């Protein structure tokens, strides 16, 4: 992960933030899709774009990002 990532918050769309929170809270792609009433493929696409946009390499980094930006509670 890049050093400055924690100090610069990327602009996420409301839907990207919603997907990020659901995934970071432990919902599967299917669970997030059901909660939002969208397809699993759509959630997978958002998740992939989030990883690229936020320059994250794995699920653990995604959760840490959400925690450090107060999107989820520990």
N, C-alpha and C. Protein backbone atom coordinates (compact mmCIF):
# COMPACT_ATOMS: atom_id res chain seq x y z
N UNK A 1 0.84 -1.17 0.00
CA UNK A 1 0.00 0.00 0.00
C UNK A 1 0.89 1.24 0.00
N UNK A 2 0.46 2.28 -0.67
CA UNK A 2 1.26 3.49 -0.76
C UNK A 2 1.22 4.26 0.55
N UNK A 3 2.31 4.93 0.87
CA UNK A 3 2.46 5.63 2.14
C UNK A 3 1.40 6.71 2.37
N UNK A 4 1.11 7.54 1.40
CA UNK A 4 0.23 8.67 1.62
C UNK A 4 -1.25 8.33 1.63
N UNK A 5 -1.59 7.08 1.45
CA UNK A 5 -2.99 6.69 1.31
C UNK A 5 -3.83 7.08 2.52
N UNK A 6 -3.27 6.98 3.72
CA UNK A 6 -4.06 7.27 4.91
C UNK A 6 -4.34 8.76 5.10
N UNK A 7 -3.58 9.60 4.45
CA UNK A 7 -3.74 11.02 4.62
C UNK A 7 -4.58 11.68 3.54
N UNK A 8 -4.82 10.96 2.45
CA UNK A 8 -5.66 11.52 1.41
C UNK A 8 -6.88 10.64 1.22
N UNK A 9 -8.02 11.19 1.48
CA UNK A 9 -9.25 10.43 1.33
C UNK A 9 -9.73 10.59 -0.10
N UNK A 10 -9.92 9.48 -0.76
CA UNK A 10 -10.38 9.49 -2.14
C UNK A 10 -11.86 9.86 -2.16
N UNK A 11 -12.27 10.50 -3.23
CA UNK A 11 -13.68 10.82 -3.40
C UNK A 11 -14.41 9.58 -3.89
N UNK A 12 -15.27 9.06 -3.05
CA UNK A 12 -16.06 7.90 -3.41
C UNK A 12 -17.50 8.35 -3.67
N UNK A 13 -18.14 7.70 -4.61
CA UNK A 13 -19.55 7.99 -4.84
C UNK A 13 -20.34 7.41 -3.67
N UNK A 14 -21.56 7.87 -3.48
CA UNK A 14 -22.37 7.30 -2.39
C UNK A 14 -22.52 5.78 -2.53
N UNK A 15 -22.69 5.27 -3.74
CA UNK A 15 -22.85 3.83 -3.94
C UNK A 15 -21.54 3.09 -3.64
N UNK A 16 -20.41 3.66 -4.04
CA UNK A 16 -19.12 3.05 -3.73
C UNK A 16 -18.92 2.97 -2.22
N UNK A 17 -19.27 4.03 -1.53
CA UNK A 17 -19.15 4.04 -0.06
C UNK A 17 -20.05 2.98 0.56
N UNK A 18 -21.25 2.86 0.04
CA UNK A 18 -22.21 1.88 0.54
C UNK A 18 -21.67 0.45 0.35
N UNK A 19 -21.16 0.17 -0.82
CA UNK A 19 -20.59 -1.15 -1.11
C UNK A 19 -19.39 -1.40 -0.22
N UNK A 20 -18.52 -0.41 -0.08
CA UNK A 20 -17.33 -0.54 0.76
C UNK A 20 -17.71 -0.90 2.18
N UNK A 21 -18.68 -0.21 2.74
CA UNK A 21 -19.11 -0.46 4.12
C UNK A 21 -19.66 -1.87 4.26
N UNK A 22 -20.53 -2.29 3.36
CA UNK A 22 -21.12 -3.62 3.46
C UNK A 22 -20.06 -4.71 3.36
N UNK A 23 -19.13 -4.56 2.45
CA UNK A 23 -18.09 -5.57 2.29
C UNK A 23 -17.15 -5.57 3.50
N UNK A 24 -16.77 -4.38 3.96
CA UNK A 24 -15.87 -4.28 5.11
C UNK A 24 -16.51 -4.82 6.38
N UNK A 25 -17.83 -4.75 6.46
CA UNK A 25 -18.54 -5.30 7.62
C UNK A 25 -18.67 -6.82 7.53
N UNK A 26 -18.23 -7.40 6.43
CA UNK A 26 -18.20 -8.85 6.33
C UNK A 26 -19.25 -9.47 5.44
N UNK A 27 -20.10 -8.68 4.80
CA UNK A 27 -21.07 -9.26 3.89
C UNK A 27 -20.36 -9.79 2.65
N UNK A 28 -20.84 -10.89 2.16
CA UNK A 28 -20.32 -11.44 0.91
C UNK A 28 -20.84 -10.58 -0.24
N UNK A 29 -20.29 -10.81 -1.42
CA UNK A 29 -20.81 -10.10 -2.59
C UNK A 29 -22.31 -10.38 -2.74
N UNK A 30 -22.70 -11.64 -2.55
CA UNK A 30 -24.11 -12.01 -2.66
C UNK A 30 -24.95 -11.31 -1.59
N UNK A 31 -24.42 -11.27 -0.36
CA UNK A 31 -25.14 -10.62 0.73
C UNK A 31 -25.33 -9.13 0.48
N UNK A 32 -24.28 -8.48 -0.01
CA UNK A 32 -24.38 -7.05 -0.33
C UNK A 32 -25.36 -6.83 -1.47
N UNK A 33 -25.33 -7.70 -2.46
CA UNK A 33 -26.24 -7.59 -3.60
C UNK A 33 -27.69 -7.73 -3.15
N UNK A 34 -27.96 -8.70 -2.31
CA UNK A 34 -29.32 -8.89 -1.80
C UNK A 34 -29.78 -7.70 -0.97
N UNK A 35 -28.89 -7.19 -0.14
CA UNK A 35 -29.24 -6.04 0.72
C UNK A 35 -29.59 -4.82 -0.12
N UNK A 36 -28.86 -4.62 -1.23
CA UNK A 36 -29.06 -3.44 -2.07
C UNK A 36 -30.02 -3.66 -3.23
N UNK A 37 -30.42 -4.90 -3.45
CA UNK A 37 -31.33 -5.19 -4.55
C UNK A 37 -30.68 -5.05 -5.92
N UNK A 38 -29.40 -5.42 -5.99
CA UNK A 38 -28.67 -5.37 -7.26
C UNK A 38 -28.05 -6.74 -7.51
N UNK A 39 -27.45 -6.92 -8.67
CA UNK A 39 -26.87 -8.22 -8.99
C UNK A 39 -25.51 -8.41 -8.32
N UNK A 40 -25.14 -9.67 -8.16
CA UNK A 40 -23.83 -10.00 -7.60
C UNK A 40 -22.74 -9.45 -8.50
N UNK A 41 -22.93 -9.55 -9.81
CA UNK A 41 -21.94 -9.03 -10.77
C UNK A 41 -21.72 -7.53 -10.58
N UNK A 42 -22.78 -6.80 -10.29
CA UNK A 42 -22.65 -5.36 -10.07
C UNK A 42 -21.80 -5.09 -8.83
N UNK A 43 -22.04 -5.83 -7.77
CA UNK A 43 -21.24 -5.68 -6.55
C UNK A 43 -19.79 -6.03 -6.84
N UNK A 44 -19.56 -7.11 -7.58
CA UNK A 44 -18.19 -7.50 -7.93
C UNK A 44 -17.48 -6.40 -8.71
N UNK A 45 -18.21 -5.75 -9.61
CA UNK A 45 -17.63 -4.66 -10.38
C UNK A 45 -17.27 -3.47 -9.50
N UNK A 46 -18.18 -3.12 -8.58
CA UNK A 46 -17.89 -2.02 -7.65
C UNK A 46 -16.68 -2.35 -6.79
N UNK A 47 -16.64 -3.58 -6.30
CA UNK A 47 -15.54 -3.98 -5.43
C UNK A 47 -14.21 -3.90 -6.18
N UNK A 48 -14.17 -4.37 -7.41
CA UNK A 48 -12.95 -4.31 -8.21
C UNK A 48 -12.53 -2.86 -8.45
N UNK A 49 -13.50 -2.00 -8.77
CA UNK A 49 -13.17 -0.58 -9.00
C UNK A 49 -12.69 0.09 -7.72
N UNK A 50 -13.28 -0.28 -6.57
CA UNK A 50 -12.83 0.28 -5.30
C UNK A 50 -11.37 -0.09 -5.03
N UNK A 51 -11.03 -1.34 -5.27
CA UNK A 51 -9.66 -1.79 -5.03
C UNK A 51 -8.68 -0.99 -5.89
N UNK A 52 -9.05 -0.74 -7.15
CA UNK A 52 -8.19 0.03 -8.04
C UNK A 52 -8.15 1.49 -7.61
N UNK A 53 -9.31 2.07 -7.38
CA UNK A 53 -9.41 3.49 -7.04
C UNK A 53 -8.65 3.82 -5.76
N UNK A 54 -8.77 2.93 -4.77
CA UNK A 54 -8.14 3.17 -3.47
C UNK A 54 -6.73 2.58 -3.40
N UNK A 55 -6.29 1.96 -4.48
CA UNK A 55 -4.95 1.37 -4.56
C UNK A 55 -4.73 0.34 -3.46
N UNK A 56 -5.70 -0.55 -3.31
CA UNK A 56 -5.64 -1.61 -2.31
C UNK A 56 -5.38 -2.93 -3.01
N UNK A 57 -4.72 -3.84 -2.29
CA UNK A 57 -4.35 -5.10 -2.90
C UNK A 57 -5.15 -6.29 -2.40
N UNK A 58 -5.79 -6.18 -1.24
CA UNK A 58 -6.52 -7.33 -0.72
C UNK A 58 -7.63 -6.88 0.23
N UNK A 59 -8.40 -7.85 0.67
CA UNK A 59 -9.55 -7.58 1.52
C UNK A 59 -9.15 -6.91 2.85
N UNK A 60 -8.04 -7.36 3.43
CA UNK A 60 -7.59 -6.77 4.70
C UNK A 60 -7.33 -5.28 4.57
N UNK A 61 -6.71 -4.87 3.48
CA UNK A 61 -6.46 -3.45 3.25
C UNK A 61 -7.76 -2.69 3.08
N UNK A 62 -8.75 -3.32 2.47
CA UNK A 62 -10.06 -2.69 2.30
C UNK A 62 -10.70 -2.43 3.66
N UNK A 63 -10.63 -3.40 4.54
CA UNK A 63 -11.19 -3.25 5.89
C UNK A 63 -10.44 -2.18 6.66
N UNK A 64 -9.11 -2.19 6.58
CA UNK A 64 -8.31 -1.16 7.27
C UNK A 64 -8.65 0.23 6.76
N UNK A 65 -8.83 0.36 5.45
CA UNK A 65 -9.21 1.66 4.88
C UNK A 65 -10.54 2.13 5.50
N UNK A 66 -11.51 1.23 5.54
CA UNK A 66 -12.82 1.58 6.09
C UNK A 66 -12.72 1.98 7.56
N UNK A 67 -11.90 1.28 8.31
CA UNK A 67 -11.71 1.62 9.73
C UNK A 67 -11.02 2.96 9.91
N UNK A 68 -9.97 3.19 9.16
CA UNK A 68 -9.19 4.43 9.31
C UNK A 68 -9.94 5.66 8.84
N UNK A 69 -10.93 5.46 7.99
CA UNK A 69 -11.72 6.59 7.51
C UNK A 69 -13.10 6.63 8.18
N UNK A 70 -13.21 5.89 9.28
CA UNK A 70 -14.42 5.91 10.13
C UNK A 70 -15.69 5.55 9.36
N UNK A 71 -15.55 4.64 8.40
CA UNK A 71 -16.72 4.17 7.65
C UNK A 71 -17.39 3.02 8.37
N UNK A 72 -16.60 2.30 9.19
CA UNK A 72 -17.15 1.23 10.03
C UNK A 72 -16.53 1.37 11.41
N UNK A 73 -17.17 0.75 12.40
CA UNK A 73 -16.65 0.78 13.77
C UNK A 73 -15.88 -0.50 14.03
N UNK A 74 -14.83 -0.41 14.85
CA UNK A 74 -14.04 -1.62 15.18
C UNK A 74 -14.86 -2.62 15.98
